[in-house]
Amino acid sequence: MDRLTAVRVFVEVVDRGSLTQAADGLEMSAAMVSRYLAAVEAWFDARLLHRTTRKVSLTEAGVAALPACRQLLEIAEDVQHLAATRSRVPAGVLRVTTASSFADAQLTDALVDFQRQHEQVEIVLSVSDKATDLVAERVDLAVRITNSLDPAMIARPLAVCRSLLCAAPEYLAQHGTPRTLADLAAHRCIAHAFGVGRHYRFLQAGQMIEAPVRWSFHTNETAVLRRAVLAGAGISMLPTYYVGDALREGRLVRLLPDCEPETLGIHAIYLSRQHQPLALRLLVDFLAARFGGAIAPWDAALTG
């Protein structure tokens, strides 16, 4: 039985605290996990884990063996990394996650273009507006839109996410067009469920101000938020990367253009700079080149 895989199974069980969860993470059966554990214990000639129906815990021998096992896996990753770097042919699976709206509007096309250049790279893209645990979900790269970064993660800026206030012409014809921030309090506004309080935030004269609003519709999905605005449900603040076509086609109207909503950063988030697969490094560089610059490409198109 492959000893390196057996060691990897042992470390995964320790990290997850469960044979079942380790089996799910490694995409193998629980029976196979048990066989690999038996193999690594036979290799060390010692019982490494106390097993119960609910959890596992390290024995004294397991505590002593764990650092060596981690070091062995790191050495194996270094060897793989050196081989991939020397071949200069990126390959393997990259697991990527981002917000559904950004995946729909920008990232999916970017990933497809990246794969045209690197056909041996397989990409698994998952979408969620909630932050993903990169370790638990075995994610290689998260593209997140936030100003609150986890200091334990490596973050590379990709672009600035700007937003704007907008509404459908049908809504404005029925309810009128706000001319000042104070006018927003009299309008129906649509909110993202992860937003803060009953206000919109704007930057004016170098200071952040809050404009009170009245929510009439909430959703936890930006795509639904955009659909509700297009359907005439009210006024909303949406990212510019997601509304360009609708504005150019006249299906949405920009409101209060002199008021700059709070901006967010778009970041590439990953666990470590060490032992980084060639495909991941190339993808991060590709996204930085595609989305970076003084003005994001979707903002440049909107201005033009």
Protein backbone atom coordinates (compact mmCIF):
# COMPACT_ATOMS: atom_id res chain seq x y z
CA MET A 1 0.00 0.00 0.00
CA ASP A 2 1.27 3.49 -0.90
CA ARG A 3 2.94 4.81 2.25
CA LEU A 4 2.75 8.46 1.19
CA THR A 5 -1.01 8.18 0.74
CA ALA A 6 -1.27 6.40 4.08
CA VAL A 7 0.57 9.28 5.75
CA ARG A 8 -1.67 11.79 4.02
CA VAL A 9 -4.74 9.92 5.28
CA PHE A 10 -3.37 9.91 8.84
CA VAL A 11 -2.76 13.69 8.77
CA GLU A 12 -6.17 14.33 7.24
CA VAL A 13 -7.92 12.31 9.95
CA VAL A 14 -6.04 14.24 12.65
CA ASP A 15 -6.87 17.62 11.07
CA ARG A 16 -10.55 16.81 10.61
CA GLY A 17 -11.00 14.81 13.81
CA SER A 18 -13.11 12.17 12.10
CA LEU A 19 -12.59 9.19 9.78
CA THR A 20 -15.84 9.98 7.99
CA GLN A 21 -14.95 13.62 7.36
CA ALA A 22 -11.47 12.63 6.23
CA ALA A 23 -12.99 10.12 3.81
CA ASP A 24 -15.23 12.84 2.36
CA GLY A 25 -12.34 15.27 2.04
CA LEU A 26 -10.09 12.71 0.37
CA GLU A 27 -12.92 11.38 -1.78
CA MET A 28 -12.43 7.78 -0.69
CA SER A 29 -14.50 5.29 1.28
CA ALA A 30 -14.37 5.06 5.08
CA ALA A 31 -13.19 1.47 4.71
CA MET A 32 -10.25 2.61 2.59
CA VAL A 33 -9.37 5.28 5.17
CA SER A 34 -9.33 2.58 7.85
CA ARG A 35 -7.03 0.39 5.75
CA TYR A 36 -4.61 3.26 5.17
CA LEU A 37 -4.56 4.03 8.90
CA ALA A 38 -3.81 0.41 9.65
CA ALA A 39 -0.99 0.54 7.11
CA VAL A 40 0.63 3.64 8.58
CA GLU A 41 0.35 2.22 12.10
CA ALA A 42 1.99 -0.99 10.88
CA TRP A 43 4.75 1.11 9.32
CA PHE A 44 5.38 2.92 12.63
CA ASP A 45 4.76 -0.29 14.57
CA ALA A 46 2.60 1.66 17.01
CA ARG A 47 -1.01 2.63 17.54
CA LEU A 48 -1.29 6.29 16.48
CA LEU A 49 -4.96 7.03 17.13
CA HIS A 50 -7.59 6.30 19.74
CA ARG A 51 -10.81 5.66 17.82
CA THR A 52 -14.37 5.97 19.11
CA THR A 53 -17.67 6.15 17.27
CA ARG A 54 -17.72 9.94 17.67
CA LYS A 55 -14.13 11.13 17.41
CA VAL A 56 -10.47 10.23 17.17
CA SER A 57 -7.57 11.42 19.29
CA LEU A 58 -3.81 11.00 19.12
CA THR A 59 -1.98 8.47 21.21
CA GLU A 60 1.41 9.36 22.64
CA ALA A 61 3.02 7.68 19.64
CA GLY A 62 0.70 9.59 17.34
CA VAL A 63 1.74 12.92 18.88
CA ALA A 64 5.38 12.01 18.26
CA ALA A 65 4.73 10.80 14.69
CA LEU A 66 2.55 13.69 13.48
CA PRO A 67 5.33 16.30 12.92
CA ALA A 68 7.38 13.80 10.92
CA CYS A 69 4.34 12.92 8.81
CA ARG A 70 3.66 16.59 8.07
CA GLN A 71 7.29 17.10 7.12
CA LEU A 72 7.15 14.09 4.81
CA LEU A 73 4.13 15.52 3.00
CA GLU A 74 5.86 18.91 2.65
CA ILE A 75 8.93 17.23 1.13
CA ALA A 76 6.69 15.35 -1.32
CA GLU A 77 4.96 18.60 -2.30
CA ASP A 78 8.35 20.25 -2.84
CA VAL A 79 9.40 17.45 -5.16
CA GLN A 80 6.15 17.73 -7.12
CA HIS A 81 6.51 21.50 -7.28
CA LEU A 82 10.08 21.25 -8.60
CA ALA A 83 9.02 18.75 -11.23
CA ALA A 84 6.14 20.92 -12.38
CA THR A 85 8.31 24.03 -12.45
CA ARG A 86 11.00 22.32 -14.52
CA SER A 87 8.45 21.02 -17.00
CA ARG A 88 6.73 24.43 -17.14
CA VAL A 89 3.50 22.65 -18.10
CA PRO A 90 0.76 23.59 -15.61
CA ALA A 91 -1.60 20.73 -14.93
CA GLY A 92 -3.93 19.33 -12.31
CA VAL A 93 -7.12 20.45 -10.59
CA LEU A 94 -7.68 23.98 -9.30
CA ARG A 95 -10.62 24.52 -6.97
CA VAL A 96 -11.86 28.11 -7.16
CA THR A 97 -14.68 29.88 -5.35
CA THR A 98 -16.23 33.34 -5.68
CA ALA A 99 -19.52 35.22 -5.39
CA SER A 100 -22.14 34.02 -7.86
CA SER A 101 -22.60 37.46 -9.43
CA PHE A 102 -18.87 37.88 -10.07
CA ALA A 103 -18.67 34.36 -11.47
CA ASP A 104 -21.56 35.11 -13.80
CA ALA A 105 -20.37 38.53 -14.94
CA GLN A 106 -16.57 38.23 -15.02
CA LEU A 107 -14.76 35.24 -13.58
CA THR A 108 -16.22 32.38 -15.62
CA ASP A 109 -15.14 33.93 -18.92
CA ALA A 110 -11.71 34.64 -17.44
CA LEU A 111 -11.29 31.02 -16.32
CA VAL A 112 -12.32 29.71 -19.73
CA ASP A 113 -9.76 32.00 -21.40
CA PHE A 114 -7.11 30.79 -18.93
CA GLN A 115 -7.89 27.18 -19.82
CA ARG A 116 -7.46 27.98 -23.51
CA GLN A 117 -3.86 28.81 -22.68
CA HIS A 118 -3.38 25.88 -20.27
CA GLU A 119 -5.48 22.98 -21.48
CA GLN A 120 -4.16 20.50 -18.91
CA VAL A 121 -5.57 22.49 -16.00
CA GLU A 122 -8.95 21.32 -14.72
CA ILE A 123 -11.02 23.95 -12.88
CA VAL A 124 -13.74 23.32 -10.32
CA LEU A 125 -15.65 26.56 -9.71
CA SER A 126 -18.06 26.88 -6.78
CA VAL A 127 -20.15 29.98 -6.15
CA SER A 128 -21.40 31.44 -2.89
CA ASP A 129 -21.94 34.92 -1.47
CA LYS A 130 -20.67 33.63 1.88
CA ALA A 131 -16.99 33.30 2.73
CA THR A 132 -15.68 29.77 2.24
CA ASP A 133 -13.32 27.97 4.62
CA LEU A 134 -10.44 27.26 2.24
CA VAL A 135 -8.98 24.55 4.47
CA ALA A 136 -12.19 22.65 5.19
CA GLU A 137 -13.46 22.91 1.61
CA ARG A 138 -10.02 22.19 0.06
CA VAL A 139 -10.17 25.36 -2.02
CA ASP A 140 -7.04 26.53 -3.85
CA LEU A 141 -8.20 30.05 -4.67
CA ALA A 142 -10.99 32.32 -3.48
CA VAL A 143 -11.79 35.52 -5.36
CA ARG A 144 -13.46 37.62 -2.70
CA ILE A 145 -15.00 41.08 -2.69
CA THR A 146 -14.38 42.53 0.75
CA ASN A 147 -12.50 45.07 2.85
CA SER A 148 -12.17 42.60 5.73
CA LEU A 149 -9.31 40.22 5.05
CA ASP A 150 -8.26 37.24 7.16
CA PRO A 151 -4.67 37.92 8.28
CA ALA A 152 -3.99 34.19 8.19
CA MET A 153 -4.53 34.13 4.43
CA ILE A 154 -2.44 35.50 1.56
CA ALA A 155 -4.33 38.18 -0.37
CA ARG A 156 -3.34 39.67 -3.73
CA PRO A 157 -5.36 42.69 -4.92
CA LEU A 158 -6.97 42.18 -8.32
CA ALA A 159 -9.23 45.21 -8.77
CA VAL A 160 -11.48 47.73 -7.05
CA CYS A 161 -15.19 46.92 -6.84
CA ARG A 162 -17.23 50.05 -7.37
CA SER A 163 -20.99 50.24 -7.04
CA LEU A 164 -23.72 52.60 -8.16
CA LEU A 165 -27.34 53.39 -7.38
CA CYS A 166 -29.76 52.40 -10.09
CA ALA A 167 -33.40 51.68 -10.85
CA ALA A 168 -35.55 50.60 -13.78
CA PRO A 169 -37.17 53.31 -15.92
CA GLU A 170 -40.59 51.87 -15.02
CA TYR A 171 -39.99 52.41 -11.31
CA LEU A 172 -38.77 55.98 -11.83
CA ALA A 173 -41.76 56.80 -14.05
CA GLN A 174 -44.09 55.72 -11.26
CA HIS A 175 -42.23 56.98 -8.18
CA GLY A 176 -40.05 59.81 -9.45
CA THR A 177 -36.27 60.23 -9.55
CA PRO A 178 -34.30 61.05 -6.38
CA ARG A 179 -32.16 64.18 -6.75
CA THR A 180 -30.36 64.09 -3.41
CA LEU A 181 -29.32 61.46 -0.88
CA ALA A 182 -32.07 62.70 1.43
CA ASP A 183 -34.65 61.82 -1.24
CA LEU A 184 -33.78 58.11 -0.90
CA ALA A 185 -35.66 57.88 2.40
CA ALA A 186 -38.95 58.34 0.49
CA HIS A 187 -38.24 55.54 -2.03
CA ARG A 188 -38.51 51.77 -2.04
CA CYS A 189 -35.01 50.33 -1.76
CA ILE A 190 -33.75 46.81 -2.25
CA ALA A 191 -31.09 45.38 0.06
CA HIS A 192 -28.64 42.52 0.14
CA ALA A 193 -29.26 40.41 3.24
CA PHE A 194 -25.57 40.66 4.16
CA GLY A 195 -25.67 44.47 4.16
CA VAL A 196 -25.39 46.59 7.27
CA GLY A 197 -28.22 48.58 8.81
CA ARG A 198 -30.87 50.65 7.11
CA HIS A 199 -28.60 52.96 5.16
CA TYR A 200 -26.33 53.28 2.13
CA ARG A 201 -22.73 54.39 2.59
CA PHE A 202 -21.15 57.06 0.38
CA LEU A 203 -17.79 58.81 0.25
CA GLN A 204 -18.07 62.59 0.03
CA ALA A 205 -15.23 65.09 0.51
CA GLY A 206 -13.03 62.32 1.89
CA GLN A 207 -15.56 61.33 4.56
CA MET A 208 -17.91 58.38 4.76
CA ILE A 209 -21.54 59.35 5.21
CA GLU A 210 -24.63 57.20 5.68
CA ALA A 211 -27.91 57.92 3.90
CA PRO A 212 -31.02 56.44 5.62
CA VAL A 213 -33.20 54.31 3.36
CA ARG A 214 -36.35 52.22 3.61
CA TRP A 215 -35.95 48.58 2.61
CA SER A 216 -38.84 46.99 0.75
CA PHE A 217 -37.13 43.81 -0.49
CA HIS A 218 -34.27 41.68 0.86
CA THR A 219 -32.31 38.85 -0.70
CA ASN A 220 -29.08 36.99 0.02
CA GLU A 221 -28.23 36.64 -3.69
CA THR A 222 -26.89 39.50 -5.84
CA ALA A 223 -28.34 37.97 -9.01
CA VAL A 224 -31.82 38.08 -7.44
CA LEU A 225 -31.15 41.66 -6.31
CA ARG A 226 -30.35 42.67 -9.88
CA ARG A 227 -33.42 40.86 -11.20
CA ALA A 228 -35.66 42.65 -8.70
CA VAL A 229 -34.30 46.04 -9.74
CA LEU A 230 -34.82 45.20 -13.42
CA ALA A 231 -38.39 44.17 -12.58
CA GLY A 232 -39.07 47.62 -11.11
CA ALA A 233 -39.10 46.67 -7.43
CA GLY A 234 -37.15 49.74 -6.36
CA ILE A 235 -33.74 51.37 -6.07
CA SER A 236 -30.62 49.38 -5.28
CA MET A 237 -26.86 49.63 -5.07
CA LEU A 238 -25.21 47.15 -7.42
CA PRO A 239 -21.59 46.49 -8.41
CA THR A 240 -20.58 48.08 -11.69
CA TYR A 241 -19.21 44.75 -12.98
CA TYR A 242 -22.79 43.44 -12.97
CA VAL A 243 -24.85 46.25 -14.50
CA GLY A 244 -22.91 47.52 -17.53
CA ASP A 245 -25.07 45.88 -20.20
CA ALA A 246 -28.33 46.89 -18.51
CA LEU A 247 -27.21 50.53 -18.27
CA ARG A 248 -26.04 50.69 -21.88
CA GLU A 249 -29.29 49.13 -23.08
CA GLY A 250 -31.42 51.53 -21.01
CA ARG A 251 -32.93 48.77 -18.84
CA LEU A 252 -31.43 50.48 -15.79
CA VAL A 253 -30.83 54.15 -15.03
CA ARG A 254 -27.93 55.37 -12.91
CA LEU A 255 -28.96 57.62 -10.03
CA LEU A 256 -27.06 60.32 -8.13
CA PRO A 257 -23.87 59.92 -10.21
CA ASP A 258 -22.06 62.56 -8.11
CA CYS A 259 -22.35 60.35 -5.01
CA GLU A 260 -19.60 57.72 -4.80
CA PRO A 261 -20.66 54.58 -2.90
CA GLU A 262 -18.18 52.88 -0.62
CA THR A 263 -15.71 50.78 -2.64
CA LEU A 264 -14.54 47.25 -1.88
CA GLY A 265 -11.44 45.34 -2.85
CA ILE A 266 -11.46 42.32 -5.14
CA HIS A 267 -8.77 39.94 -3.91
CA ALA A 268 -7.24 36.62 -4.83
CA ILE A 269 -7.08 34.68 -1.54
CA TYR A 270 -4.99 31.57 -1.00
CA LEU A 271 -3.41 29.75 1.90
CA SER A 272 0.32 30.07 1.38
CA ARG A 273 3.03 31.25 -0.98
CA GLN A 274 4.99 28.08 -0.26
CA HIS A 275 4.46 24.86 -2.20
CA GLN A 276 2.17 26.71 -4.57
CA PRO A 277 1.29 24.72 -7.71
CA LEU A 278 2.45 26.25 -10.97
CA ALA A 279 -1.14 26.32 -12.28
CA LEU A 280 -2.29 28.36 -9.28
CA ARG A 281 0.53 30.89 -9.60
CA LEU A 282 -0.18 31.32 -13.29
CA LEU A 283 -3.91 31.72 -12.67
CA VAL A 284 -3.40 34.43 -10.03
CA ASP A 285 -1.04 36.28 -12.39
CA PHE A 286 -3.56 35.91 -15.22
CA LEU A 287 -6.43 37.34 -13.15
CA ALA A 288 -4.29 40.22 -11.89
CA ALA A 289 -3.39 41.14 -15.47
CA ARG A 290 -6.96 40.76 -16.71
CA PHE A 291 -8.75 42.69 -13.95
CA GLY A 292 -5.97 44.99 -12.72
CA GLY A 293 -4.95 48.50 -13.69
CA ALA A 294 -5.98 51.97 -12.58
CA ILE A 295 -9.54 51.27 -13.78
CA ALA A 296 -11.16 47.84 -13.88
CA PRO A 297 -12.08 46.78 -17.45
CA TRP A 298 -15.81 46.79 -16.72
CA ASP A 299 -15.56 50.34 -15.33
CA ALA A 300 -13.61 51.46 -18.38
CA ALA A 301 -16.32 50.00 -20.62
CA LEU A 302 -19.01 51.71 -18.55
CA THR A 303 -17.28 55.08 -18.80
CA GLY A 304 -16.72 54.66 -22.52
